[in-house]
């Protein structure tokens, strides 16, 4: 039985679904582990919530390079979309 998501986790899914994105630096550099948002979230940020969504399979990763630095871009996948549809319906 899946555990219930927190309100922050739901906020993140809705925020990403609305067209925003989260970039996580995966390059061994002085930026390693840095999290950058495409626009400031309108809710309280919680990095653990992001990692739990990723671990639970609601987010997926696409890697891109920007100025030679590797970034993991987190996006909502089908499982996350189904969850949002279930919460709205």
PDB file of N, CA and C in Angstrom:
ATOM      1  N   UNK A   1       0.843  -1.180   0.000  1.00  0.00           N
ATOM      2  CA  UNK A   1       0.000   0.000   0.000  1.00  0.00           C
ATOM      3  C   UNK A   1       0.890   1.246   0.000  1.00  0.00           C
ATOM      4  N   UNK A   2       0.726   2.140  -0.973  1.00  0.00           N
ATOM      5  CA  UNK A   2       1.583   3.322  -1.022  1.00  0.00           C
ATOM      6  C   UNK A   2       1.278   4.274   0.126  1.00  0.00           C
ATOM      7  N   UNK A   3       2.324   4.917   0.614  1.00  0.00           N
ATOM      8  CA  UNK A   3       2.106   5.853   1.710  1.00  0.00           C
ATOM      9  C   UNK A   3       1.567   7.170   1.156  1.00  0.00           C
ATOM     10  N   UNK A   4       0.874   7.880   1.992  1.00  0.00           N
ATOM     11  CA  UNK A   4       0.265   9.148   1.591  1.00  0.00           C
ATOM     12  C   UNK A   4       1.346  10.206   1.409  1.00  0.00           C
ATOM     13  N   UNK A   5       1.204  11.006   0.361  1.00  0.00           N
ATOM     14  CA  UNK A   5       2.157  12.085   0.116  1.00  0.00           C
ATOM     15  C   UNK A   5       1.835  13.277   1.003  1.00  0.00           C
ATOM     16  N   UNK A   6       2.866  14.036   1.326  1.00  0.00           N
ATOM     17  CA  UNK A   6       2.684  15.247   2.121  1.00  0.00           C
ATOM     18  C   UNK A   6       2.127  16.358   1.239  1.00  0.00           C
ATOM     19  N   UNK A   7       1.631  17.408   1.866  1.00  0.00           N
ATOM     20  CA  UNK A   7       1.108  18.544   1.094  1.00  0.00           C
ATOM     21  C   UNK A   7       2.219  19.196   0.286  1.00  0.00           C
ATOM     22  N   UNK A   8       3.448  19.212   0.818  1.00  0.00           N
ATOM     23  CA  UNK A   8       4.576  19.777   0.076  1.00  0.00           C
ATOM     24  C   UNK A   8       4.882  18.944  -1.165  1.00  0.00           C
ATOM     25  N   UNK A   9       4.810  17.622  -1.047  1.00  0.00           N
ATOM     26  CA  UNK A   9       5.054  16.769  -2.201  1.00  0.00           C
ATOM     27  C   UNK A   9       3.987  16.996  -3.276  1.00  0.00           C
ATOM     28  N   UNK A  10       2.738  17.120  -2.875  1.00  0.00           N
ATOM     29  CA  UNK A  10       1.661  17.415  -3.830  1.00  0.00           C
ATOM     30  C   UNK A  10       1.897  18.788  -4.462  1.00  0.00           C
ATOM     31  N   UNK A  11       2.302  19.765  -3.645  1.00  0.00           N
ATOM     32  CA  UNK A  11       2.612  21.104  -4.174  1.00  0.00           C
ATOM     33  C   UNK A  11       3.698  21.020  -5.242  1.00  0.00           C
ATOM     34  N   UNK A  12       4.761  20.254  -4.980  1.00  0.00           N
ATOM     35  CA  UNK A  12       5.833  20.105  -5.968  1.00  0.00           C
ATOM     36  C   UNK A  12       5.310  19.492  -7.261  1.00  0.00           C
ATOM     37  N   UNK A  13       4.510  18.436  -7.167  1.00  0.00           N
ATOM     38  CA  UNK A  13       3.978  17.798  -8.372  1.00  0.00           C
ATOM     39  C   UNK A  13       3.116  18.774  -9.167  1.00  0.00           C
ATOM     40  N   UNK A  14       2.257  19.514  -8.491  1.00  0.00           N
ATOM     41  CA  UNK A  14       1.406  20.484  -9.180  1.00  0.00           C
ATOM     42  C   UNK A  14       2.231  21.603  -9.798  1.00  0.00           C
ATOM     43  N   UNK A  15       3.255  22.036  -9.100  1.00  0.00           N
ATOM     44  CA  UNK A  15       4.123  23.120  -9.566  1.00  0.00           C
ATOM     45  C   UNK A  15       4.883  22.686 -10.818  1.00  0.00           C
ATOM     46  N   UNK A  16       5.422  21.472 -10.807  1.00  0.00           N
ATOM     47  CA  UNK A  16       6.139  20.954 -11.977  1.00  0.00           C
ATOM     48  C   UNK A  16       5.156  20.743 -13.132  1.00  0.00           C
ATOM     49  N   UNK A  17       3.989  20.215 -12.830  1.00  0.00           N
ATOM     50  CA  UNK A  17       2.972  19.985 -13.870  1.00  0.00           C
ATOM     51  C   UNK A  17       2.555  21.295 -14.532  1.00  0.00           C
ATOM     52  N   UNK A  18       2.632  22.395 -13.797  1.00  0.00           N
ATOM     53  CA  UNK A  18       2.268  23.715 -14.325  1.00  0.00           C
ATOM     54  C   UNK A  18       3.346  24.295 -15.233  1.00  0.00           C
ATOM     55  N   UNK A  19       4.432  23.559 -15.456  1.00  0.00           N
ATOM     56  CA  UNK A  19       5.467  24.015 -16.395  1.00  0.00           C
ATOM     57  C   UNK A  19       6.774  24.436 -15.765  1.00  0.00           C
ATOM     58  N   UNK A  20       6.895  24.308 -14.469  1.00  0.00           N
ATOM     59  CA  UNK A  20       8.146  24.661 -13.797  1.00  0.00           C
ATOM     60  C   UNK A  20       9.078  23.456 -13.773  1.00  0.00           C
ATOM     61  N   UNK A  21      10.339  23.693 -13.426  1.00  0.00           N
ATOM     62  CA  UNK A  21      11.292  22.582 -13.389  1.00  0.00           C
ATOM     63  C   UNK A  21      12.298  22.749 -12.258  1.00  0.00           C
ATOM     64  N   UNK A  22      12.884  21.617 -11.902  1.00  0.00           N
ATOM     65  CA  UNK A  22      13.911  21.565 -10.865  1.00  0.00           C
ATOM     66  C   UNK A  22      15.167  21.008 -11.513  1.00  0.00           C
ATOM     67  N   UNK A  23      16.283  21.715 -11.332  1.00  0.00           N
ATOM     68  CA  UNK A  23      17.573  21.296 -11.876  1.00  0.00           C
ATOM     69  C   UNK A  23      18.491  20.972 -10.707  1.00  0.00           C
ATOM     70  N   UNK A  24      19.101  19.799 -10.758  1.00  0.00           N
ATOM     71  CA  UNK A  24      19.962  19.313  -9.682  1.00  0.00           C
ATOM     72  C   UNK A  24      21.336  19.031 -10.281  1.00  0.00           C
ATOM     73  N   UNK A  25      22.394  19.705  -9.785  1.00  0.00           N
ATOM     74  CA  UNK A  25      23.733  19.533 -10.329  1.00  0.00           C
ATOM     75  C   UNK A  25      24.309  18.172  -9.923  1.00  0.00           C
ATOM     76  N   UNK A  26      24.713  17.384 -10.934  1.00  0.00           N
ATOM     77  CA  UNK A  26      25.287  16.061 -10.685  1.00  0.00           C
ATOM     78  C   UNK A  26      26.749  15.986 -11.106  1.00  0.00           C
ATOM     79  N   UNK A  27      27.314  17.101 -11.493  1.00  0.00           N
ATOM     80  CA  UNK A  27      28.717  17.158 -11.913  1.00  0.00           C
ATOM     81  C   UNK A  27      29.606  17.349 -10.687  1.00  0.00           C
ATOM     82  N   UNK A  28      30.704  16.605 -10.651  1.00  0.00           N
ATOM     83  CA  UNK A  28      31.666  16.795  -9.555  1.00  0.00           C
ATOM     84  C   UNK A  28      32.346  18.138  -9.795  1.00  0.00           C
ATOM     85  N   UNK A  29      31.865  19.138  -9.079  1.00  0.00           N
ATOM     86  CA  UNK A  29      32.351  20.511  -9.201  1.00  0.00           C
ATOM     87  C   UNK A  29      31.941  21.249  -7.935  1.00  0.00           C
ATOM     88  N   UNK A  30      32.222  22.539  -7.910  1.00  0.00           N
ATOM     89  CA  UNK A  30      31.817  23.316  -6.741  1.00  0.00           C
ATOM     90  C   UNK A  30      30.299  23.509  -6.674  1.00  0.00           C
ATOM     91  N   UNK A  31      29.568  23.091  -7.720  1.00  0.00           N
ATOM     92  CA  UNK A  31      28.112  23.197  -7.738  1.00  0.00           C
ATOM     93  C   UNK A  31      27.418  21.864  -7.432  1.00  0.00           C
ATOM     94  N   UNK A  32      28.182  20.816  -7.161  1.00  0.00           N
ATOM     95  CA  UNK A  32      27.616  19.492  -6.916  1.00  0.00           C
ATOM     96  C   UNK A  32      26.531  19.548  -5.844  1.00  0.00           C
ATOM     97  N   UNK A  33      25.364  19.016  -6.166  1.00  0.00           N
ATOM     98  CA  UNK A  33      24.257  18.970  -5.226  1.00  0.00           C
ATOM     99  C   UNK A  33      23.392  20.212  -5.190  1.00  0.00           C
ATOM    100  N   UNK A  34      23.780  21.242  -5.925  1.00  0.00           N
ATOM    101  CA  UNK A  34      22.993  22.473  -5.932  1.00  0.00           C
ATOM    102  C   UNK A  34      21.652  22.230  -6.627  1.00  0.00           C
ATOM    103  N   UNK A  35      20.590  22.764  -6.052  1.00  0.00           N
ATOM    104  CA  UNK A  35      19.262  22.669  -6.636  1.00  0.00           C
ATOM    105  C   UNK A  35      18.840  24.057  -7.094  1.00  0.00           C
ATOM    106  N   UNK A  36      18.426  24.130  -8.370  1.00  0.00           N
ATOM    107  CA  UNK A  36      18.004  25.400  -8.959  1.00  0.00           C
ATOM    108  C   UNK A  36      16.574  25.227  -9.470  1.00  0.00           C
ATOM    109  N   UNK A  37      15.730  26.192  -9.170  1.00  0.00           N
ATOM    110  CA  UNK A  37      14.331  26.166  -9.606  1.00  0.00           C
ATOM    111  C   UNK A  37      14.163  27.089 -10.807  1.00  0.00           C
ATOM    112  N   UNK A  38      13.306  26.695 -11.763  1.00  0.00           N
ATOM    113  CA  UNK A  38      13.058  27.532 -12.934  1.00  0.00           C
ATOM    114  C   UNK A  38      12.394  28.852 -12.537  1.00  0.00           C
ATOM    115  N   UNK A  39      11.604  28.825 -11.501  1.00  0.00           N
ATOM    116  CA  UNK A  39      11.026  30.020 -10.895  1.00  0.00           C
ATOM    117  C   UNK A  39      10.798  29.687  -9.418  1.00  0.00           C
ATOM    118  N   UNK A  40      10.781  30.694  -8.574  1.00  0.00           N
ATOM    119  CA  UNK A  40      10.631  30.401  -7.143  1.00  0.00           C
ATOM    120  C   UNK A  40       9.287  29.727  -6.848  1.00  0.00           C
ATOM    121  N   UNK A  41       9.308  28.604  -6.134  1.00  0.00           N
ATOM    122  CA  UNK A  41       8.037  27.974  -5.747  1.00  0.00           C
ATOM    123  C   UNK A  41       7.239  28.891  -4.828  1.00  0.00           C
ATOM    124  N   UNK A  42       5.931  28.766  -4.878  1.00  0.00           N
ATOM    125  CA  UNK A  42       5.048  29.592  -4.052  1.00  0.00           C
ATOM    126  C   UNK A  42       4.744  28.933  -2.711  1.00  0.00           C
ATOM    127  N   UNK A  43       5.442  27.846  -2.425  1.00  0.00           N
ATOM    128  CA  UNK A  43       5.246  27.096  -1.186  1.00  0.00           C
ATOM    129  C   UNK A  43       6.607  26.888  -0.542  1.00  0.00           C
ATOM    130  N   UNK A  44       6.601  26.392   0.682  1.00  0.00           N
ATOM    131  CA  UNK A  44       7.857  26.156   1.391  1.00  0.00           C
ATOM    132  C   UNK A  44       8.642  25.040   0.710  1.00  0.00           C
ATOM    133  N   UNK A  45       9.915  25.315   0.391  1.00  0.00           N
ATOM    134  CA  UNK A  45      10.768  24.324  -0.269  1.00  0.00           C
ATOM    135  C   UNK A  45      11.272  23.304   0.751  1.00  0.00           C
ATOM    136  N   UNK A  46      11.372  22.064   0.302  1.00  0.00           N
ATOM    137  CA  UNK A  46      11.867  20.995   1.149  1.00  0.00           C
ATOM    138  C   UNK A  46      12.564  19.977   0.256  1.00  0.00           C
ATOM    139  N   UNK A  47      13.885  19.953   0.313  1.00  0.00           N
ATOM    140  CA  UNK A  47      14.660  19.065  -0.563  1.00  0.00           C
ATOM    141  C   UNK A  47      14.338  17.598  -0.325  1.00  0.00           C
ATOM    142  N   UNK A  48      14.053  17.240   0.904  1.00  0.00           N
ATOM    143  CA  UNK A  48      13.718  15.845   1.202  1.00  0.00           C
ATOM    144  C   UNK A  48      12.453  15.423   0.448  1.00  0.00           C
ATOM    145  N   UNK A  49      11.496  16.332   0.320  1.00  0.00           N
ATOM    146  CA  UNK A  49      10.276  16.028  -0.428  1.00  0.00           C
ATOM    147  C   UNK A  49      10.583  15.706  -1.884  1.00  0.00           C
ATOM    148  N   UNK A  50      11.516  16.444  -2.473  1.00  0.00           N
ATOM    149  CA  UNK A  50      11.911  16.197  -3.862  1.00  0.00           C
ATOM    150  C   UNK A  50      12.515  14.801  -3.984  1.00  0.00           C
ATOM    151  N   UNK A  51      13.438  14.481  -3.103  1.00  0.00           N
ATOM    152  CA  UNK A  51      14.105  13.183  -3.173  1.00  0.00           C
ATOM    153  C   UNK A  51      13.134  12.038  -2.912  1.00  0.00           C
ATOM    154  N   UNK A  52      12.174  12.234  -2.010  1.00  0.00           N
ATOM    155  CA  UNK A  52      11.171  11.203  -1.762  1.00  0.00           C
ATOM    156  C   UNK A  52      10.273  10.986  -2.973  1.00  0.00           C
ATOM    157  N   UNK A  53       9.900  12.063  -3.674  1.00  0.00           N
ATOM    158  CA  UNK A  53       9.115  11.924  -4.898  1.00  0.00           C
ATOM    159  C   UNK A  53       9.893  11.150  -5.963  1.00  0.00           C
ATOM    160  N   UNK A  54      11.165  11.451  -6.067  1.00  0.00           N
ATOM    161  CA  UNK A  54      12.022  10.754  -7.035  1.00  0.00           C
ATOM    162  C   UNK A  54      12.149   9.280  -6.658  1.00  0.00           C
ATOM    163  N   UNK A  55      12.413   9.025  -5.400  1.00  0.00           N
ATOM    164  CA  UNK A  55      12.576   7.646  -4.915  1.00  0.00           C
ATOM    165  C   UNK A  55      11.285   6.835  -5.061  1.00  0.00           C
ATOM    166  N   UNK A  56      10.141   7.491  -4.846  1.00  0.00           N
ATOM    167  CA  UNK A  56       8.850   6.814  -4.942  1.00  0.00           C
ATOM    168  C   UNK A  56       8.377   6.635  -6.383  1.00  0.00           C
ATOM    169  N   UNK A  57       9.102   7.217  -7.332  1.00  0.00           N
ATOM    170  CA  UNK A  57       8.780   7.014  -8.738  1.00  0.00           C
ATOM    171  C   UNK A  57       7.795   7.996  -9.339  1.00  0.00           C
ATOM    172  N   UNK A  58       7.548   9.133  -8.698  1.00  0.00           N
ATOM    173  CA  UNK A  58       6.632  10.131  -9.241  1.00  0.00           C
ATOM    174  C   UNK A  58       7.345  11.132 -10.139  1.00  0.00           C
ATOM    175  N   UNK A  59       8.662  11.210 -10.032  1.00  0.00           N
ATOM    176  CA  UNK A  59       9.478  12.077 -10.875  1.00  0.00           C
ATOM    177  C   UNK A  59      10.492  11.231 -11.622  1.00  0.00           C
ATOM    178  N   UNK A  60      10.907  11.710 -12.774  1.00  0.00           N
ATOM    179  CA  UNK A  60      11.973  11.075 -13.545  1.00  0.00           C
ATOM    180  C   UNK A  60      13.056  12.106 -13.821  1.00  0.00           C
ATOM    181  N   UNK A  61      14.185  11.614 -14.329  1.00  0.00           N
ATOM    182  CA  UNK A  61      15.355  12.470 -14.551  1.00  0.00           C
ATOM    183  C   UNK A  61      15.734  12.470 -16.023  1.00  0.00           C
ATOM    184  N   UNK A  62      16.070  13.655 -16.500  1.00  0.00           N
ATOM    185  CA  UNK A  62      16.668  13.808 -17.821  1.00  0.00           C
ATOM    186  C   UNK A  62      17.943  14.618 -17.599  1.00  0.00           C
ATOM    187  N   UNK A  63      19.072  14.126 -18.078  1.00  0.00           N
ATOM    188  CA  UNK A  63      20.318  14.856 -17.864  1.00  0.00           C
ATOM    189  C   UNK A  63      20.631  15.749 -19.052  1.00  0.00           C
ATOM    190  N   UNK A  64      21.118  16.941 -18.744  1.00  0.00           N
ATOM    191  CA  UNK A  64      21.538  17.914 -19.745  1.00  0.00           C
ATOM    192  C   UNK A  64      22.823  18.571 -19.273  1.00  0.00           C
ATOM    193  N   UNK A  65      23.555  19.097 -20.235  1.00  0.00           N
ATOM    194  CA  UNK A  65      24.774  19.832 -19.930  1.00  0.00           C
ATOM    195  C   UNK A  65      24.557  21.308 -20.207  1.00  0.00           C
ATOM    196  N   UNK A  66      24.998  22.143 -19.287  1.00  0.00           N
ATOM    197  CA  UNK A  66      24.935  23.582 -19.449  1.00  0.00           C
ATOM    198  C   UNK A  66      26.304  24.146 -19.105  1.00  0.00           C
ATOM    199  N   UNK A  67      26.969  24.717 -20.095  1.00  0.00           N
ATOM    200  CA  UNK A  67      28.314  25.266 -19.932  1.00  0.00           C
ATOM    201  C   UNK A  67      29.275  24.220 -19.363  1.00  0.00           C
ATOM    202  N   UNK A  68      29.124  22.973 -19.815  1.00  0.00           N
ATOM    203  CA  UNK A  68      30.015  21.896 -19.408  1.00  0.00           C
ATOM    204  C   UNK A  68      29.688  21.274 -18.058  1.00  0.00           C
ATOM    205  N   UNK A  69      28.641  21.727 -17.421  1.00  0.00           N
ATOM    206  CA  UNK A  69      28.227  21.193 -16.120  1.00  0.00           C
ATOM    207  C   UNK A  69      26.997  20.308 -16.335  1.00  0.00           C
ATOM    208  N   UNK A  70      27.018  19.103 -15.767  1.00  0.00           N
ATOM    209  CA  UNK A  70      25.902  18.165 -15.921  1.00  0.00           C
ATOM    210  C   UNK A  70      24.825  18.454 -14.881  1.00  0.00           C
ATOM    211  N   UNK A  71      23.595  18.563 -15.361  1.00  0.00           N
ATOM    212  CA  UNK A  71      22.443  18.822 -14.512  1.00  0.00           C
ATOM    213  C   UNK A  71      21.392  17.748 -14.737  1.00  0.00           C
ATOM    214  N   UNK A  72      20.791  17.271 -13.670  1.00  0.00           N
ATOM    215  CA  UNK A  72      19.650  16.371 -13.749  1.00  0.00           C
ATOM    216  C   UNK A  72      18.406  17.241 -13.668  1.00  0.00           C
ATOM    217  N   UNK A  73      17.574  17.158 -14.689  1.00  0.00           N
ATOM    218  CA  UNK A  73      16.329  17.914 -14.706  1.00  0.00           C
ATOM    219  C   UNK A  73      15.208  16.960 -14.314  1.00  0.00           C
ATOM    220  N   UNK A  74      14.506  17.314 -13.268  1.00  0.00           N
ATOM    221  CA  UNK A  74      13.446  16.453 -12.752  1.00  0.00           C
ATOM    222  C   UNK A  74      12.131  16.842 -13.394  1.00  0.00           C
ATOM    223  N   UNK A  75      11.384  15.836 -13.851  1.00  0.00           N
ATOM    224  CA  UNK A  75      10.087  16.099 -14.460  1.00  0.00           C
ATOM    225  C   UNK A  75       9.085  15.067 -13.969  1.00  0.00           C
ATOM    226  N   UNK A  76       7.825  15.441 -14.036  1.00  0.00           N
ATOM    227  CA  UNK A  76       6.757  14.556 -13.586  1.00  0.00           C
ATOM    228  C   UNK A  76       6.532  13.484 -14.655  1.00  0.00           C
ATOM    229  N   UNK A  77       6.412  12.242 -14.217  1.00  0.00           N
ATOM    230  CA  UNK A  77       6.207  11.138 -15.154  1.00  0.00           C
ATOM    231  C   UNK A  77       4.747  10.674 -15.098  1.00  0.00           C
ATOM    232  N   UNK A  78       4.440   9.580 -15.797  1.00  0.00           N
ATOM    233  CA  UNK A  78       3.060   9.091 -15.869  1.00  0.00           C
ATOM    234  C   UNK A  78       2.494   8.723 -14.493  1.00  0.00           C
ATOM    235  N   UNK A  79       3.320   8.140 -13.646  1.00  0.00           N
ATOM    236  CA  UNK A  79       2.849   7.781 -12.301  1.00  0.00           C
ATOM    237  C   UNK A  79       2.457   9.037 -11.524  1.00  0.00           C
ATOM    238  N   UNK A  80       3.265  10.081 -11.632  1.00  0.00           N
ATOM    239  CA  UNK A  80       2.953  11.348 -10.971  1.00  0.00           C
ATOM    240  C   UNK A  80       1.705  11.995 -11.536  1.00  0.00           C
ATOM    241  N   UNK A  81       1.540  11.924 -12.857  1.00  0.00           N
ATOM    242  CA  UNK A  81       0.351  12.488 -13.486  1.00  0.00           C
ATOM    243  C   UNK A  81      -0.909  11.748 -13.045  1.00  0.00           C
ATOM    244  N   UNK A  82      -0.826  10.417 -12.967  1.00  0.00           N
ATOM    245  CA  UNK A  82      -1.976   9.632 -12.506  1.00  0.00           C
ATOM    246  C   UNK A  82      -2.355  10.013 -11.069  1.00  0.00           C
ATOM    247  N   UNK A  83      -1.346  10.225 -10.240  1.00  0.00           N
ATOM    248  CA  UNK A  83      -1.613  10.625  -8.858  1.00  0.00           C
ATOM    249  C   UNK A  83      -2.334  11.968  -8.821  1.00  0.00           C
ATOM    250  N   UNK A  84      -1.865  12.941  -9.609  1.00  0.00           N
ATOM    251  CA  UNK A  84      -2.522  14.243  -9.627  1.00  0.00           C
ATOM    252  C   UNK A  84      -3.955  14.149 -10.136  1.00  0.00           C
ATOM    253  N   UNK A  85      -4.168  13.334 -11.163  1.00  0.00           N
ATOM    254  CA  UNK A  85      -5.522  13.158 -11.698  1.00  0.00           C
ATOM    255  C   UNK A  85      -6.432  12.534 -10.624  1.00  0.00           C
ATOM    256  N   UNK A  86      -5.889  11.605  -9.848  1.00  0.00           N
ATOM    257  CA  UNK A  86      -6.658  10.984  -8.771  1.00  0.00           C
ATOM    258  C   UNK A  86      -7.007  11.954  -7.669  1.00  0.00           C
ATOM    259  N   UNK A  87      -6.089  12.900  -7.385  1.00  0.00           N
ATOM    260  CA  UNK A  87      -6.344  13.894  -6.329  1.00  0.00           C
ATOM    261  C   UNK A  87      -7.357  14.942  -6.777  1.00  0.00           C
ATOM    262  N   UNK A  88      -7.393  15.215  -8.085  1.00  0.00           N
ATOM    263  CA  UNK A  88      -8.307  16.240  -8.593  1.00  0.00           C
ATOM    264  C   UNK A  88      -9.681  15.670  -8.911  1.00  0.00           C
ATOM    265  N   UNK A  89      -9.765  14.337  -9.007  1.00  0.00           N
ATOM    266  CA  UNK A  89     -11.030  13.750  -9.431  1.00  0.00           C
ATOM    267  C   UNK A  89     -11.825  13.197  -8.351  1.00  0.00           C
TER     268      UNK A  89
END
